[in-house]
């Protein structure tokens, strides 16, 4: 499996690297693992749904 860094995931998703780190810490991105102080994020992972906003159709 190929991995990317938080910075690469942030660029791919259009969010900040710090937000990606927080999503990893909160186990919101499937398949992540930590090697030392670096998060390893699978290259094929989708951007998780942002739980801070309302989803369309939810009510």
N, C-alpha and C. Protein backbone atom coordinates (compact mmCIF):
# COMPACT_ATOMS: atom_id res chain seq x y z
N UNK A 1 0.85 -1.18 0.00
CA UNK A 1 0.00 0.00 0.00
C UNK A 1 0.89 1.23 0.00
N UNK A 2 0.49 2.23 -0.77
CA UNK A 2 1.26 3.47 -0.85
C UNK A 2 0.63 4.51 0.08
N UNK A 3 1.49 5.31 0.69
CA UNK A 3 1.05 6.30 1.67
C UNK A 3 1.48 7.70 1.26
N UNK A 4 0.81 8.70 1.86
CA UNK A 4 1.19 10.09 1.67
C UNK A 4 1.27 10.76 3.04
N UNK A 5 1.89 11.92 3.06
CA UNK A 5 2.03 12.67 4.31
C UNK A 5 0.80 13.55 4.54
N UNK A 6 0.73 14.18 5.70
CA UNK A 6 -0.37 15.10 6.00
C UNK A 6 -0.38 16.27 5.03
N UNK A 7 0.80 16.76 4.67
CA UNK A 7 0.89 17.88 3.74
C UNK A 7 0.34 17.50 2.36
N UNK A 8 0.70 16.31 1.89
CA UNK A 8 0.19 15.85 0.59
C UNK A 8 -1.33 15.65 0.64
N UNK A 9 -1.83 15.08 1.73
CA UNK A 9 -3.27 14.88 1.88
C UNK A 9 -4.00 16.21 1.95
N UNK A 10 -3.39 17.20 2.60
CA UNK A 10 -4.00 18.53 2.70
C UNK A 10 -4.10 19.17 1.33
N UNK A 11 -3.05 19.09 0.55
CA UNK A 11 -3.06 19.65 -0.81
C UNK A 11 -4.12 18.96 -1.67
N UNK A 12 -4.22 17.65 -1.54
CA UNK A 12 -5.18 16.87 -2.31
C UNK A 12 -6.62 17.22 -1.93
N UNK A 13 -6.86 17.46 -0.64
CA UNK A 13 -8.21 17.68 -0.13
C UNK A 13 -8.62 19.15 -0.06
N UNK A 14 -7.65 20.05 -0.16
CA UNK A 14 -7.97 21.48 -0.08
C UNK A 14 -8.22 21.96 1.34
N UNK A 15 -7.61 21.30 2.32
CA UNK A 15 -7.72 21.72 3.72
C UNK A 15 -6.31 21.87 4.28
N UNK A 16 -6.20 22.36 5.50
CA UNK A 16 -4.87 22.58 6.08
C UNK A 16 -4.26 21.27 6.57
N UNK A 17 -2.94 21.25 6.64
CA UNK A 17 -2.23 20.07 7.14
C UNK A 17 -2.60 19.81 8.60
N UNK A 18 -2.81 20.87 9.37
CA UNK A 18 -3.20 20.72 10.78
C UNK A 18 -4.56 20.05 10.89
N UNK A 19 -5.48 20.40 10.01
CA UNK A 19 -6.82 19.77 10.02
C UNK A 19 -6.69 18.28 9.69
N UNK A 20 -5.82 17.94 8.75
CA UNK A 20 -5.59 16.53 8.42
C UNK A 20 -5.06 15.80 9.64
N UNK A 21 -4.11 16.41 10.36
CA UNK A 21 -3.57 15.79 11.57
C UNK A 21 -4.66 15.55 12.60
N UNK A 22 -5.54 16.52 12.78
CA UNK A 22 -6.64 16.37 13.75
C UNK A 22 -7.60 15.26 13.32
N UNK A 23 -7.85 15.14 12.02
CA UNK A 23 -8.71 14.06 11.52
C UNK A 23 -8.06 12.70 11.77
N UNK A 24 -6.74 12.63 11.62
CA UNK A 24 -6.02 11.39 11.91
C UNK A 24 -6.11 11.05 13.39
N UNK A 25 -5.88 12.04 14.24
CA UNK A 25 -5.95 11.83 15.69
C UNK A 25 -7.33 11.38 16.13
N UNK A 26 -8.35 11.89 15.47
CA UNK A 26 -9.74 11.53 15.81
C UNK A 26 -10.23 10.28 15.11
N UNK A 27 -9.31 9.59 14.42
CA UNK A 27 -9.63 8.35 13.70
C UNK A 27 -10.77 8.54 12.70
N UNK A 28 -10.77 9.70 12.04
CA UNK A 28 -11.80 10.01 11.04
C UNK A 28 -11.37 9.62 9.63
N UNK A 29 -10.09 9.27 9.45
CA UNK A 29 -9.58 8.84 8.15
C UNK A 29 -9.24 7.36 8.27
N UNK A 30 -9.91 6.51 7.48
CA UNK A 30 -9.67 5.07 7.59
C UNK A 30 -8.29 4.67 7.07
N UNK A 31 -7.66 3.73 7.76
CA UNK A 31 -6.40 3.16 7.30
C UNK A 31 -5.14 3.92 7.68
N UNK A 32 -5.27 5.00 8.46
CA UNK A 32 -4.07 5.75 8.84
C UNK A 32 -3.28 5.00 9.90
N UNK A 33 -1.99 5.25 9.90
CA UNK A 33 -1.14 4.71 10.96
C UNK A 33 -0.10 5.77 11.26
N UNK A 34 0.55 5.62 12.39
CA UNK A 34 1.53 6.60 12.81
C UNK A 34 2.89 5.92 12.92
N UNK A 35 3.89 6.54 12.31
CA UNK A 35 5.26 6.06 12.38
C UNK A 35 6.08 7.16 13.03
N UNK A 36 6.42 6.97 14.29
CA UNK A 36 7.11 8.02 15.04
C UNK A 36 6.17 9.19 15.25
N UNK A 37 6.51 10.34 14.69
CA UNK A 37 5.64 11.52 14.82
C UNK A 37 4.92 11.83 13.50
N UNK A 38 5.05 10.95 12.51
CA UNK A 38 4.46 11.19 11.19
C UNK A 38 3.26 10.29 10.93
N UNK A 39 2.15 10.90 10.48
CA UNK A 39 0.98 10.13 10.10
C UNK A 39 1.16 9.61 8.69
N UNK A 40 0.83 8.34 8.47
CA UNK A 40 0.87 7.73 7.14
C UNK A 40 -0.57 7.53 6.68
N UNK A 41 -0.93 8.20 5.60
CA UNK A 41 -2.30 8.20 5.11
C UNK A 41 -2.33 7.47 3.77
N UNK A 42 -3.21 6.47 3.61
CA UNK A 42 -3.28 5.76 2.33
C UNK A 42 -3.58 6.72 1.18
N UNK A 43 -2.89 6.53 0.05
CA UNK A 43 -3.06 7.43 -1.10
C UNK A 43 -4.45 7.37 -1.70
N UNK A 44 -5.15 6.25 -1.54
CA UNK A 44 -6.45 6.09 -2.19
C UNK A 44 -7.63 6.51 -1.29
N UNK A 45 -7.35 7.11 -0.14
CA UNK A 45 -8.41 7.46 0.80
C UNK A 45 -9.19 8.70 0.32
N UNK A 46 -10.48 8.69 0.58
CA UNK A 46 -11.35 9.82 0.25
C UNK A 46 -11.32 10.84 1.39
N UNK A 47 -11.60 12.09 1.08
CA UNK A 47 -11.69 13.13 2.11
C UNK A 47 -12.90 12.81 2.99
N UNK A 48 -12.72 12.76 4.31
CA UNK A 48 -13.86 12.46 5.18
C UNK A 48 -14.88 13.59 5.21
N UNK A 49 -16.11 13.24 5.52
CA UNK A 49 -17.16 14.24 5.64
C UNK A 49 -16.87 15.11 6.86
N UNK A 50 -16.97 16.40 6.68
CA UNK A 50 -16.70 17.34 7.76
C UNK A 50 -17.89 17.34 8.72
N UNK A 51 -17.70 16.84 9.92
CA UNK A 51 -18.76 16.75 10.91
C UNK A 51 -19.16 18.07 11.50
N UNK A 52 -18.45 19.15 11.15
CA UNK A 52 -18.75 20.47 11.71
C UNK A 52 -19.86 21.18 10.93
N UNK A 53 -20.22 20.64 9.76
CA UNK A 53 -21.26 21.26 8.95
C UNK A 53 -22.44 20.33 8.79
N UNK A 54 -23.59 20.90 8.47
CA UNK A 54 -24.79 20.09 8.24
C UNK A 54 -24.70 19.44 6.88
N UNK A 55 -25.09 18.17 6.84
CA UNK A 55 -25.13 17.46 5.57
C UNK A 55 -26.48 17.73 4.91
N UNK A 56 -26.46 17.77 3.60
CA UNK A 56 -27.69 18.01 2.86
C UNK A 56 -28.68 16.90 3.13
N UNK A 57 -29.91 17.25 3.42
CA UNK A 57 -30.94 16.27 3.69
C UNK A 57 -31.05 15.85 5.14
N UNK A 58 -30.06 16.23 5.96
CA UNK A 58 -30.12 15.89 7.38
C UNK A 58 -31.02 16.91 8.09
N UNK A 59 -31.76 16.46 9.02
CA UNK A 59 -32.59 17.45 9.67
C UNK A 59 -33.13 17.01 10.92
